[in-house]
Protein backbone atom coordinates (compact mmCIF):
# COMPACT_ATOMS: atom_id res chain seq x y z
CA UNK A 1 22.65 8.63 3.22
CA UNK A 2 19.15 8.96 4.62
CA UNK A 3 16.61 6.26 3.70
CA UNK A 4 13.14 7.75 3.96
CA UNK A 5 9.82 5.89 3.76
CA UNK A 6 7.07 8.05 2.30
CA UNK A 7 3.69 6.50 2.94
CA UNK A 8 0.01 7.34 2.91
CA UNK A 9 -3.29 5.91 1.99
CA UNK A 10 -4.59 5.68 -1.54
CA UNK A 11 -5.23 9.18 -2.98
CA UNK A 12 -3.39 10.78 -0.06
CA UNK A 13 -1.15 12.94 -2.26
CA UNK A 14 1.94 10.75 -1.75
CA UNK A 15 2.86 10.79 -5.41
CA UNK A 16 2.78 14.61 -5.44
CA UNK A 17 5.20 14.73 -2.51
CA UNK A 18 7.42 12.09 -4.06
CA UNK A 19 7.63 14.05 -7.32
CA UNK A 20 8.51 17.23 -5.46
CA UNK A 21 11.29 15.50 -3.50
CA UNK A 22 12.64 13.96 -6.72
CA UNK A 23 12.65 17.41 -8.28
CA UNK A 24 14.69 18.65 -5.28
CA UNK A 25 17.28 15.88 -5.73
CA UNK A 26 16.03 12.82 -3.92
CA UNK A 27 16.24 9.32 -5.49
CA UNK A 28 12.68 7.98 -5.40
CA UNK A 29 12.04 4.26 -5.46
CA UNK A 30 8.38 3.68 -6.25
CA UNK A 31 6.84 0.52 -4.62
CA UNK A 32 3.80 0.63 -6.87
CA UNK A 33 6.00 0.59 -9.96
CA UNK A 34 7.91 -2.38 -8.53
CA UNK A 35 4.65 -4.15 -7.73
CA UNK A 36 3.59 -3.70 -11.36
CA UNK A 37 6.94 -5.04 -12.60
CA UNK A 38 6.81 -8.22 -10.49
CA UNK A 39 3.49 -9.26 -12.05
CA UNK A 40 4.36 -8.58 -15.70
CA UNK A 41 4.01 -11.44 -18.20
CA UNK A 42 6.87 -13.88 -17.77
CA UNK A 43 7.42 -13.02 -14.11
CA UNK A 44 6.97 -15.71 -11.43
CA UNK A 45 4.59 -13.39 -9.63
CA UNK A 46 2.05 -13.40 -12.49
CA UNK A 47 2.21 -17.23 -12.65
CA UNK A 48 1.56 -17.40 -8.94
CA UNK A 49 -1.43 -15.05 -9.20
CA UNK A 50 -2.89 -17.14 -12.04
CA UNK A 51 -2.47 -20.25 -9.89
CA UNK A 52 -4.12 -18.61 -6.88
CA UNK A 53 -6.92 -16.63 -8.53
CA UNK A 54 -7.56 -18.42 -11.90
CA UNK A 55 -7.69 -17.30 -15.52
CA UNK A 56 -10.40 -14.71 -14.85
CA UNK A 57 -7.76 -12.29 -13.63
CA UNK A 58 -5.63 -12.69 -16.78
CA UNK A 59 -6.36 -10.74 -19.93
CA UNK A 60 -6.36 -12.33 -23.40
CA UNK A 61 -2.88 -10.84 -24.07
CA UNK A 62 -1.53 -12.64 -20.99
CA UNK A 63 -1.24 -9.63 -18.78
CA UNK A 64 -2.83 -9.14 -15.37
CA UNK A 65 -6.40 -7.79 -15.31
CA UNK A 66 -5.93 -5.46 -12.34
CA UNK A 67 -9.52 -4.37 -12.20
CA UNK A 68 -10.78 -8.00 -12.00
CA UNK A 69 -8.23 -8.84 -9.33
CA UNK A 70 -9.07 -5.67 -7.43
CA UNK A 71 -12.71 -6.58 -7.29
CA UNK A 72 -11.82 -9.92 -5.68
CA UNK A 73 -9.15 -8.79 -3.18
CA UNK A 74 -10.83 -5.61 -1.98
CA UNK A 75 -14.02 -7.54 -1.18
CA UNK A 76 -12.27 -10.38 0.69
CA UNK A 77 -9.46 -9.80 3.23
CA UNK A 78 -8.33 -13.42 3.03
CA UNK A 79 -7.91 -13.25 -0.73
CA UNK A 80 -6.05 -9.97 -0.31
CA UNK A 81 -3.68 -11.71 2.14
CA UNK A 82 -3.00 -14.37 -0.49
CA UNK A 83 -2.17 -11.66 -3.08
CA UNK A 84 0.08 -9.81 -0.62
CA UNK A 85 1.90 -13.05 0.09
CA UNK A 86 2.77 -13.26 -3.56
CA UNK A 87 3.59 -9.65 -4.36
CA UNK A 88 5.22 -8.30 -1.16
CA UNK A 89 8.26 -10.63 -1.07
CA UNK A 90 9.02 -9.93 -4.70
CA UNK A 91 8.71 -6.13 -4.15
CA UNK A 92 10.93 -6.40 -1.05
CA UNK A 93 13.65 -8.07 -3.09
CA UNK A 94 13.48 -5.51 -5.91
CA UNK A 95 13.38 -2.54 -3.57
CA UNK A 96 16.43 -3.71 -1.65
CA UNK A 97 18.34 -3.89 -4.97
CA UNK A 98 17.15 -0.39 -5.83
CA UNK A 99 18.18 0.99 -2.41
CA UNK A 100 21.68 -0.55 -2.66
CA UNK A 101 22.13 0.89 -6.16
CA UNK A 102 21.06 4.42 -5.02
CA UNK A 103 22.97 4.37 -1.71
CA UNK A 104 26.12 3.04 -3.31
CA UNK A 105 26.98 6.48 -4.75
CA UNK A 106 27.11 9.88 -3.13
CA UNK A 107 26.99 9.79 0.68
CA UNK A 108 24.64 12.82 0.59
CA UNK A 109 22.02 10.99 -1.45
CA UNK A 110 18.52 10.97 0.03
CA UNK A 111 16.54 7.92 -1.00
CA UNK A 112 12.80 8.07 -0.70
CA UNK A 113 10.77 4.85 -0.80
CA UNK A 114 7.29 5.73 -1.98
CA UNK A 115 5.24 2.95 -0.41
CA UNK A 116 1.55 2.74 0.29
CA UNK A 117 1.70 -0.26 2.59
CA UNK A 118 4.48 0.45 5.05
CA UNK A 119 2.98 -2.11 7.46
CA UNK A 120 3.77 -4.84 4.92
CA UNK A 121 7.46 -4.12 5.12
CA UNK A 122 8.08 -2.74 8.60
CA UNK A 123 9.82 0.47 9.51
CA UNK A 124 13.11 -0.54 11.18
CA UNK A 125 15.39 0.09 8.18
CA UNK A 126 14.20 3.67 7.56
CA UNK A 127 15.70 6.78 9.07
CA UNK A 128 12.39 8.64 8.87
CA UNK A 129 8.77 7.81 8.10
CA UNK A 130 6.92 10.57 6.27
CA UNK A 131 3.13 10.27 6.10
CA UNK A 132 1.01 12.04 3.49
CA UNK A 133 -2.17 12.67 5.40
CA UNK A 134 -5.67 13.52 4.18
CA UNK A 135 -9.02 12.67 5.79
CA UNK A 136 -10.84 9.58 4.43
CA UNK A 137 -13.60 11.62 2.88
CA UNK A 138 -11.10 13.69 0.92
CA UNK A 139 -9.35 10.54 -0.37
CA UNK A 140 -12.65 8.91 -1.33
CA UNK A 141 -13.72 12.08 -3.20
CA UNK A 142 -10.36 12.18 -5.09
CA UNK A 143 -10.77 8.52 -6.13
CA UNK A 144 -14.24 9.23 -7.48
CA UNK A 145 -13.46 12.55 -9.10
CA UNK A 146 -9.94 11.90 -10.38
CA UNK A 147 -9.87 8.11 -11.00
CA UNK A 148 -13.46 7.51 -11.95
CA UNK A 149 -14.17 4.95 -9.21
CA UNK A 150 -17.61 4.47 -7.77
CA UNK A 151 -17.99 5.71 -4.23
CA UNK A 152 -18.42 2.10 -3.04
CA UNK A 153 -15.20 0.96 -4.73
CA UNK A 154 -13.31 3.98 -3.41
CA UNK A 155 -14.52 3.38 0.09
CA UNK A 156 -13.57 -0.28 -0.08
CA UNK A 157 -10.03 0.61 -1.24
CA UNK A 158 -9.52 3.23 1.50
CA UNK A 159 -10.97 0.89 4.20
CA UNK A 160 -8.62 -1.93 3.19
CA UNK A 161 -5.57 0.01 4.25
CA UNK A 162 -4.21 1.14 7.59
CA UNK A 163 -6.30 3.72 9.39
CA UNK A 164 -5.16 7.32 9.51
CA UNK A 165 -4.40 6.91 13.22
CA UNK A 166 -2.27 3.80 12.65
CA UNK A 167 -0.28 5.53 9.96
CA UNK A 168 0.23 8.71 11.99
CA UNK A 169 1.56 6.66 14.89
CA UNK A 170 4.43 5.47 12.68
CA UNK A 171 5.28 8.96 11.44
CA UNK A 172 8.34 11.01 12.22
CA UNK A 173 6.90 13.71 9.84
CA UNK A 174 3.29 14.30 8.67
CA UNK A 175 2.46 16.33 5.59
CA UNK A 176 -1.19 17.47 5.51
CA UNK A 177 -2.34 17.13 1.91
CA UNK A 178 -5.95 18.09 2.44
CA UNK A 179 -5.33 21.76 1.51
CA UNK A 180 -4.05 23.39 -1.64
CA UNK A 181 -1.34 21.98 -3.86
CA UNK A 182 0.87 24.94 -2.98
CA UNK A 183 0.51 24.17 0.73
CA UNK A 184 1.44 20.53 0.18
CA UNK A 185 4.50 21.48 -1.88
CA UNK A 186 5.58 24.01 0.76
CA UNK A 187 5.50 21.26 3.40
CA UNK A 188 7.56 18.94 1.09
CA UNK A 189 10.09 21.78 0.66
CA UNK A 190 10.30 22.20 4.42
CA UNK A 191 10.83 18.49 4.81
CA UNK A 192 13.66 18.61 2.27
CA UNK A 193 15.33 21.41 4.21
CA UNK A 194 15.29 19.14 7.27
CA UNK A 195 16.71 16.24 5.32
CA UNK A 196 19.40 18.33 3.65
CA UNK A 197 20.21 21.22 6.03
């Protein structure tokens, strides 16, 4: 029952790889989805964020204003550290429950943890660390072109994460996502063949 961490910087193509592996039969646990869940209205995480950052990051409907919070935390590493101290423990708890549920079944199950910030969790529990890898300039361009960010915001987001070198140093497998979609998918298929010979 391999437990695989799939990581990569923002706009690295990680979600494309995760979707391909899911299509091939992996159970994918999405850390970003869990991070959204733990700050939904009624969750202790949202209350803690309101206490730490004030009402300016809460919308009129009581939900989190992610854009407002993002402007704060991506401009100030200390504030980002405060946010991570709220969100990461809650995501760790939820992800452990998801792993246990997935791994409790078929011994051949491959579980892929789609996680942007592997440094926040550590790597010891994973059988392999797969890194989706694309140069900074490619990721910034994707954020501008595909997500409508300004170049300044995109650069701030990319710079707030681990460097490419730090991420690659953790990797047991690297998938270069800077080329065509077909090339990325072919590398994901090759990875699957190594996971499920």
